[in-house]
Amino acid sequence: MNVKNINCELCEKHTATMAIKNKHNGKVFRVCKCCADYVIGKQREAE
């Protein structure tokens, strides 16, 4: 898998290392580890 350095779509400072699927629209967005933790935490709170 050839992955170029993609910036995190949330903070735009770090390199994206993960892809998270938006539960609402199914869109996949690339995020760094710290943003992924934040987003997953937010999704858990919402449930």
C-alpha atoms as a PDB file:
ATOM      1  CA  MET A   1       0.000   0.000   0.000  1.00  0.00           C
ATOM      2  CA  ASN A   2       1.596   3.243  -1.140  1.00  0.00           C
ATOM      3  CA  VAL A   3       0.599   6.045   1.202  1.00  0.00           C
ATOM      4  CA  LYS A   4       1.882   9.551   0.760  1.00  0.00           C
ATOM      5  CA  ASN A   5       1.938  11.839   3.754  1.00  0.00           C
ATOM      6  CA  ILE A   6      -1.665  12.948   4.006  1.00  0.00           C
ATOM      7  CA  ASN A   7      -2.424  15.655   6.520  1.00  0.00           C
ATOM      8  CA  CYS A   8      -5.048  15.029   9.135  1.00  0.00           C
ATOM      9  CA  GLU A   9      -8.383  16.398   7.929  1.00  0.00           C
ATOM     10  CA  LEU A  10      -9.247  17.725  11.392  1.00  0.00           C
ATOM     11  CA  CYS A  11      -6.165  19.476  12.779  1.00  0.00           C
ATOM     12  CA  GLU A  12      -4.238  19.724   9.468  1.00  0.00           C
ATOM     13  CA  LYS A  13      -0.991  19.734  11.454  1.00  0.00           C
ATOM     14  CA  HIS A  14      -0.190  16.075  11.883  1.00  0.00           C
ATOM     15  CA  THR A  15       0.152  13.271   9.368  1.00  0.00           C
ATOM     16  CA  ALA A  16      -2.979  11.178   9.065  1.00  0.00           C
ATOM     17  CA  THR A  17      -2.392   7.619  10.229  1.00  0.00           C
ATOM     18  CA  MET A  18      -5.956   6.357  10.509  1.00  0.00           C
ATOM     19  CA  ALA A  19      -9.191   6.468   8.570  1.00  0.00           C
ATOM     20  CA  ILE A  20     -12.477   6.914  10.403  1.00  0.00           C
ATOM     21  CA  LYS A  21     -15.858   6.272   8.856  1.00  0.00           C
ATOM     22  CA  ASN A  22     -18.533   8.841   9.596  1.00  0.00           C
ATOM     23  CA  LYS A  23     -21.542   6.940  10.953  1.00  0.00           C
ATOM     24  CA  HIS A  24     -24.000   9.495   9.576  1.00  0.00           C
ATOM     25  CA  ASN A  25     -23.041   9.650   5.908  1.00  0.00           C
ATOM     26  CA  GLY A  26     -20.530   6.819   5.488  1.00  0.00           C
ATOM     27  CA  LYS A  27     -17.808   9.241   4.384  1.00  0.00           C
ATOM     28  CA  VAL A  28     -14.284   8.149   5.290  1.00  0.00           C
ATOM     29  CA  PHE A  29     -11.929  10.824   6.503  1.00  0.00           C
ATOM     30  CA  ARG A  30      -8.248  10.568   7.364  1.00  0.00           C
ATOM     31  CA  VAL A  31      -7.106  11.639  10.787  1.00  0.00           C
ATOM     32  CA  CYS A  32      -4.053  11.474  13.010  1.00  0.00           C
ATOM     33  CA  LYS A  33      -4.005   9.377  16.173  1.00  0.00           C
ATOM     34  CA  CYS A  34      -4.888  12.192  18.575  1.00  0.00           C
ATOM     35  CA  CYS A  35      -7.838  13.395  16.485  1.00  0.00           C
ATOM     36  CA  ALA A  36      -9.013   9.806  16.054  1.00  0.00           C
ATOM     37  CA  ASP A  37      -9.080   9.368  19.832  1.00  0.00           C
ATOM     38  CA  TYR A  38     -11.023  12.617  20.157  1.00  0.00           C
ATOM     39  CA  VAL A  39     -13.562  11.719  17.463  1.00  0.00           C
ATOM     40  CA  ILE A  40     -14.094   8.193  18.791  1.00  0.00           C
ATOM     41  CA  GLY A  41     -14.566   9.633  22.279  1.00  0.00           C
ATOM     42  CA  LYS A  42     -17.162  12.075  20.960  1.00  0.00           C
ATOM     43  CA  GLN A  43     -19.011   9.290  19.139  1.00  0.00           C
ATOM     44  CA  ARG A  44     -19.152   7.237  22.349  1.00  0.00           C
ATOM     45  CA  GLU A  45     -20.531  10.193  24.303  1.00  0.00           C
ATOM     46  CA  ALA A  46     -23.264  10.695  21.715  1.00  0.00           C
ATOM     47  CA  GLU A  47     -24.553   7.138  22.042  1.00  0.00           C
END
